[in-house]
């Protein structure tokens, strides 16, 4: 009967993960997604943060400065300062991250600029406006979905471990597998309902923030100017960059940054 312990563990893991996801969904639904939209016009930096977090803001700043010829981004992965006078806090953070020599690899610049005070202040303002998920999305729907996915994998692992145990002849393995299928069905059903009801779910933007991003994209689709280009970069990331050399500049990664994860704001 040792397999029962595995089954109880599977139910505990699945139940806790699904409960946390449901609570996150309830909190998200309790916020009126239309109220901030009536009084807040997103800037490009704000759209970048809500779409991709701190590093997206750094990417947008680098691309914007490069297109204005105030920063040179080489296809070899190096950034060189042309104009050392930043026009806002974000640009000054990027220039400061490059350093006094005026040249640096792009990867550490992106990482340093993403954790600068300017980005933290931007995040705080968005959270205060109800547009961003607090604490790096730890209590948001996207984090809840990730936990339920992990729980589903854990249930499968516990089921495999239970079925691998030596069992008495009167305890058929098929029946044990059916018992484990119940918590697995709970997790998969929770994921399916979440996807149908509140997809897409963002790691950074609240439902109100996602609505504003959609509005920003709709307004930009009818024009073909510099702001439209930068809006695409803010929302879609460096994959929206059209210039091959500029895209190549962002393709470089340094070995010590391969496992880099964005820190919470």
Protein backbone atom coordinates (compact mmCIF):
# COMPACT_ATOMS: atom_id res chain seq x y z
CA UNK A 1 0.00 0.00 0.00
CA UNK A 2 2.97 2.31 -0.26
CA UNK A 3 1.56 3.56 -3.55
CA UNK A 4 -1.22 5.30 -1.58
CA UNK A 5 1.38 7.69 -0.17
CA UNK A 6 2.39 8.59 -3.70
CA UNK A 7 -1.27 9.10 -4.60
CA UNK A 8 -1.84 11.41 -1.62
CA UNK A 9 1.23 13.39 -2.60
CA UNK A 10 -0.07 13.68 -6.15
CA UNK A 11 -3.41 15.01 -4.93
CA UNK A 12 -1.69 17.49 -2.61
CA UNK A 13 0.56 18.82 -5.38
CA UNK A 14 -2.25 19.04 -7.93
CA UNK A 15 -4.79 20.51 -5.53
CA UNK A 16 -2.47 23.21 -4.18
CA UNK A 17 -1.33 24.28 -7.66
CA UNK A 18 -4.89 24.44 -9.00
CA UNK A 19 -6.08 26.34 -5.94
CA UNK A 20 -3.37 28.97 -6.36
CA UNK A 21 -4.21 29.33 -10.04
CA UNK A 22 -7.91 29.78 -9.24
CA UNK A 23 -7.12 32.44 -6.64
CA UNK A 24 -4.90 34.28 -9.12
CA UNK A 25 -7.66 34.15 -11.73
CA UNK A 26 -10.19 35.50 -9.23
CA UNK A 27 -7.89 38.39 -8.29
CA UNK A 28 -7.35 39.19 -11.96
CA UNK A 29 -11.08 39.12 -12.67
CA UNK A 30 -11.77 41.42 -9.71
CA UNK A 31 -9.88 44.27 -11.40
CA UNK A 32 -11.92 46.32 -13.85
CA UNK A 33 -9.90 46.08 -17.10
CA UNK A 34 -11.54 49.19 -18.54
CA UNK A 35 -10.97 51.70 -15.76
CA UNK A 36 -7.24 52.40 -16.30
CA UNK A 37 -7.72 52.46 -20.08
CA UNK A 38 -9.83 55.57 -19.81
CA UNK A 39 -7.14 57.60 -18.11
CA UNK A 40 -3.76 56.13 -19.05
CA UNK A 41 -2.01 56.39 -22.42
CA UNK A 42 0.87 53.93 -22.66
CA UNK A 43 4.34 55.15 -23.49
CA UNK A 44 6.62 52.93 -25.54
CA UNK A 45 8.68 52.09 -22.46
CA UNK A 46 5.53 51.07 -20.60
CA UNK A 47 4.36 48.96 -23.53
CA UNK A 48 7.75 47.27 -23.64
CA UNK A 49 7.66 46.44 -19.93
CA UNK A 50 4.12 45.08 -20.06
CA UNK A 51 4.96 42.98 -23.13
CA UNK A 52 8.35 41.58 -22.15
CA UNK A 53 9.51 42.89 -18.81
CA UNK A 54 12.67 44.79 -17.88
CA UNK A 55 14.89 43.38 -20.61
CA UNK A 56 12.37 44.35 -23.28
CA UNK A 57 12.66 47.94 -22.03
CA UNK A 58 16.44 47.73 -22.38
CA UNK A 59 16.09 46.29 -25.90
CA UNK A 60 13.72 49.05 -26.94
CA UNK A 61 16.08 51.73 -25.62
CA UNK A 62 19.03 50.23 -27.47
CA UNK A 63 17.11 49.96 -30.74
CA UNK A 64 15.72 53.49 -30.43
CA UNK A 65 19.15 55.01 -29.80
CA UNK A 66 20.69 52.97 -32.60
CA UNK A 67 18.09 54.17 -35.12
CA UNK A 68 18.79 57.76 -34.09
CA UNK A 69 22.52 57.18 -34.71
CA UNK A 70 23.31 58.03 -31.10
CA UNK A 71 24.43 54.49 -30.40
CA UNK A 72 26.26 52.11 -32.69
CA UNK A 73 25.27 48.45 -32.38
CA UNK A 74 27.71 46.33 -34.36
CA UNK A 75 26.75 42.96 -35.78
CA UNK A 76 29.63 41.53 -33.72
CA UNK A 77 27.67 42.19 -30.53
CA UNK A 78 29.34 45.42 -29.36
CA UNK A 79 27.68 48.72 -28.42
CA UNK A 80 29.51 52.04 -28.91
CA UNK A 81 28.27 55.37 -27.59
CA UNK A 82 28.06 58.12 -30.21
CA UNK A 83 26.08 60.69 -28.23
CA UNK A 84 26.87 60.49 -24.48
CA UNK A 85 23.90 62.69 -23.52
CA UNK A 86 20.87 60.57 -22.72
CA UNK A 87 17.50 62.17 -23.36
CA UNK A 88 15.68 60.34 -20.56
CA UNK A 89 16.38 58.10 -17.59
CA UNK A 90 16.29 54.93 -19.70
CA UNK A 91 18.88 56.21 -22.14
CA UNK A 92 21.08 57.44 -19.32
CA UNK A 93 20.87 53.98 -17.74
CA UNK A 94 22.02 52.35 -20.99
CA UNK A 95 24.89 54.82 -21.40
CA UNK A 96 25.90 54.26 -17.77
CA UNK A 97 25.79 50.49 -18.29
CA UNK A 98 28.14 50.79 -21.28
CA UNK A 99 30.66 52.50 -19.05
CA UNK A 100 33.11 55.42 -19.25
CA UNK A 101 35.06 53.88 -22.12
CA UNK A 102 31.99 54.24 -24.34
CA UNK A 103 32.09 50.67 -25.60
CA UNK A 104 30.88 47.34 -24.23
CA UNK A 105 29.40 44.01 -25.19
CA UNK A 106 25.64 44.28 -25.68
CA UNK A 107 24.68 41.34 -23.44
CA UNK A 108 25.94 42.83 -20.13
CA UNK A 109 24.56 46.22 -21.12
CA UNK A 110 21.11 44.73 -21.56
CA UNK A 111 21.35 42.93 -18.23
CA UNK A 112 22.54 46.00 -16.32
CA UNK A 113 20.04 48.38 -17.91
CA UNK A 114 17.17 45.99 -17.12
CA UNK A 115 17.92 46.24 -13.39
CA UNK A 116 18.47 50.01 -13.31
CA UNK A 117 16.49 52.33 -11.04
CA UNK A 118 14.68 53.79 -14.05
CA UNK A 119 13.14 50.40 -14.88
CA UNK A 120 12.25 49.77 -11.25
CA UNK A 121 10.50 53.12 -11.09
CA UNK A 122 8.64 52.34 -14.30
CA UNK A 123 7.50 48.99 -12.87
CA UNK A 124 6.31 50.59 -9.64
CA UNK A 125 4.24 53.14 -11.55
CA UNK A 126 2.63 50.46 -13.70
CA UNK A 127 1.82 48.30 -10.67
CA UNK A 128 0.34 51.32 -8.93
CA UNK A 129 -1.84 52.01 -11.97
CA UNK A 130 -3.10 48.43 -11.99
CA UNK A 131 -1.49 47.69 -15.35
CA UNK A 132 1.35 45.39 -14.28
CA UNK A 133 1.47 42.23 -12.19
CA UNK A 134 3.22 42.88 -8.84
CA UNK A 135 6.36 41.10 -7.70
CA UNK A 136 7.45 39.76 -11.07
CA UNK A 137 4.14 37.95 -11.56
CA UNK A 138 4.68 35.58 -8.60
CA UNK A 139 0.97 35.69 -7.78
CA UNK A 140 -0.30 36.19 -11.31
CA UNK A 141 -2.16 33.89 -13.66
CA UNK A 142 0.92 33.15 -15.78
CA UNK A 143 2.86 32.00 -12.70
CA UNK A 144 -0.14 29.92 -11.64
CA UNK A 145 -0.28 28.25 -15.03
CA UNK A 146 3.41 27.37 -14.78
CA UNK A 147 2.85 25.84 -11.33
CA UNK A 148 -0.05 23.71 -12.60
CA UNK A 149 2.08 22.48 -15.49
CA UNK A 150 4.80 21.49 -13.05
CA UNK A 151 2.17 19.79 -10.89
CA UNK A 152 0.91 17.78 -13.88
CA UNK A 153 4.46 16.59 -14.56
CA UNK A 154 4.90 15.76 -10.87
CA UNK A 155 1.72 13.68 -10.88
CA UNK A 156 3.01 11.70 -13.84
CA UNK A 157 6.33 11.16 -12.04
CA UNK A 158 4.63 10.01 -8.86
CA UNK A 159 2.41 7.67 -10.86
CA UNK A 160 5.42 6.15 -12.57
CA UNK A 161 7.15 5.69 -9.20
CA UNK A 162 4.06 4.05 -7.69
CA UNK A 163 3.65 1.68 -10.63
CA UNK A 164 7.32 0.73 -10.39
CA UNK A 165 6.84 -0.56 -6.83
CA UNK A 166 6.41 -4.30 -6.23
CA UNK A 167 2.66 -4.82 -5.77
CA UNK A 168 0.57 -7.69 -4.42
CA UNK A 169 -1.29 -9.74 -6.97
CA UNK A 170 -4.68 -8.46 -5.79
CA UNK A 171 -3.75 -4.86 -6.58
CA UNK A 172 -3.86 -4.49 -10.39
CA UNK A 173 -1.61 -1.80 -11.81
CA UNK A 174 -4.32 -0.63 -14.18
CA UNK A 175 -6.54 0.33 -11.24
CA UNK A 176 -3.67 2.26 -9.63
CA UNK A 177 -3.08 4.10 -12.88
CA UNK A 178 -6.77 5.09 -12.92
CA UNK A 179 -6.44 6.56 -9.42
CA UNK A 180 -3.50 8.67 -10.54
CA UNK A 181 -5.41 9.73 -13.64
CA UNK A 182 -7.82 11.69 -11.41
CA UNK A 183 -5.35 14.33 -10.11
CA UNK A 184 -3.82 14.46 -13.59
CA UNK A 185 -7.27 15.17 -15.04
CA UNK A 186 -7.70 17.92 -12.44
CA UNK A 187 -4.53 19.70 -13.53
CA UNK A 188 -5.16 19.28 -17.25
CA UNK A 189 -8.77 20.40 -16.88
CA UNK A 190 -7.69 23.46 -14.91
CA UNK A 191 -5.21 24.37 -17.65
CA UNK A 192 -7.84 23.88 -20.35
CA UNK A 193 -10.40 26.07 -18.57
CA UNK A 194 -7.82 28.77 -17.92
CA UNK A 195 -6.79 28.82 -21.56
CA UNK A 196 -10.37 29.07 -22.77
CA UNK A 197 -11.46 31.72 -20.27
CA UNK A 198 -8.54 34.10 -19.75
CA UNK A 199 -5.93 33.36 -22.42
CA UNK A 200 -3.63 35.10 -23.21
CA UNK A 201 -2.11 35.45 -19.76
CA UNK A 202 0.98 37.55 -19.32
CA UNK A 203 3.87 37.33 -16.91
CA UNK A 204 4.07 41.11 -16.72
CA UNK A 205 0.79 42.75 -17.70
CA UNK A 206 -2.48 42.63 -15.80
CA UNK A 207 -5.69 42.17 -17.82
CA UNK A 208 -6.00 45.97 -17.95
CA UNK A 209 -2.43 46.24 -19.19
CA UNK A 210 -3.02 43.64 -21.88
CA UNK A 211 -6.05 45.57 -23.05
CA UNK A 212 -4.03 48.77 -23.37
CA UNK A 213 -1.31 46.97 -25.32
CA UNK A 214 -3.92 45.71 -27.76
CA UNK A 215 -5.29 49.22 -28.17
CA UNK A 216 -1.80 50.60 -28.75
CA UNK A 217 -1.09 48.03 -31.46
CA UNK A 218 -4.43 48.74 -33.20
CA UNK A 219 -3.72 52.45 -33.32
CA UNK A 220 -0.21 51.86 -34.65
CA UNK A 221 -1.27 49.45 -37.40
CA UNK A 222 -2.73 52.22 -39.54
CA UNK A 223 0.53 54.17 -39.84
CA UNK A 224 4.04 53.48 -41.10
CA UNK A 225 6.34 55.77 -39.16
CA UNK A 226 9.14 55.54 -36.60
CA UNK A 227 6.76 55.20 -33.67
CA UNK A 228 5.01 52.27 -35.36
CA UNK A 229 8.38 50.58 -35.85
CA UNK A 230 9.33 51.09 -32.19
CA UNK A 231 5.88 49.95 -31.08
CA UNK A 232 6.49 46.65 -32.87
CA UNK A 233 9.83 46.28 -31.09
CA UNK A 234 8.21 47.12 -27.74
CA UNK A 235 5.43 44.57 -28.18
CA UNK A 236 7.21 41.80 -30.11
CA UNK A 237 10.84 42.26 -29.10
CA UNK A 238 13.99 42.34 -31.19
CA UNK A 239 12.45 39.79 -33.57
CA UNK A 240 10.51 42.74 -35.02
CA UNK A 241 13.76 44.50 -35.99
CA UNK A 242 14.04 44.58 -39.76
CA UNK A 243 17.69 45.49 -40.28
CA UNK A 244 19.87 42.34 -40.55
CA UNK A 245 22.92 43.94 -38.92
CA UNK A 246 20.87 45.21 -36.01
CA UNK A 247 19.24 41.84 -35.49
CA UNK A 248 22.66 40.20 -35.62
CA UNK A 249 23.86 42.52 -32.87
CA UNK A 250 21.21 41.15 -30.52
CA UNK A 251 21.88 37.55 -31.52
CA UNK A 252 25.14 37.44 -29.58
CA UNK A 253 25.11 35.92 -26.11
CA UNK A 254 28.01 35.71 -23.71
CA UNK A 255 28.61 32.41 -21.98
CA UNK A 256 28.15 33.73 -18.48
CA UNK A 257 24.77 35.18 -19.40
CA UNK A 258 23.35 32.03 -20.99
CA UNK A 259 21.48 31.14 -17.83
CA UNK A 260 20.58 34.70 -16.92
CA UNK A 261 17.05 35.25 -15.60
CA UNK A 262 15.43 38.58 -15.10
CA UNK A 263 15.35 39.65 -11.50
CA UNK A 264 12.09 40.71 -9.89
CA UNK A 265 11.17 44.34 -9.82
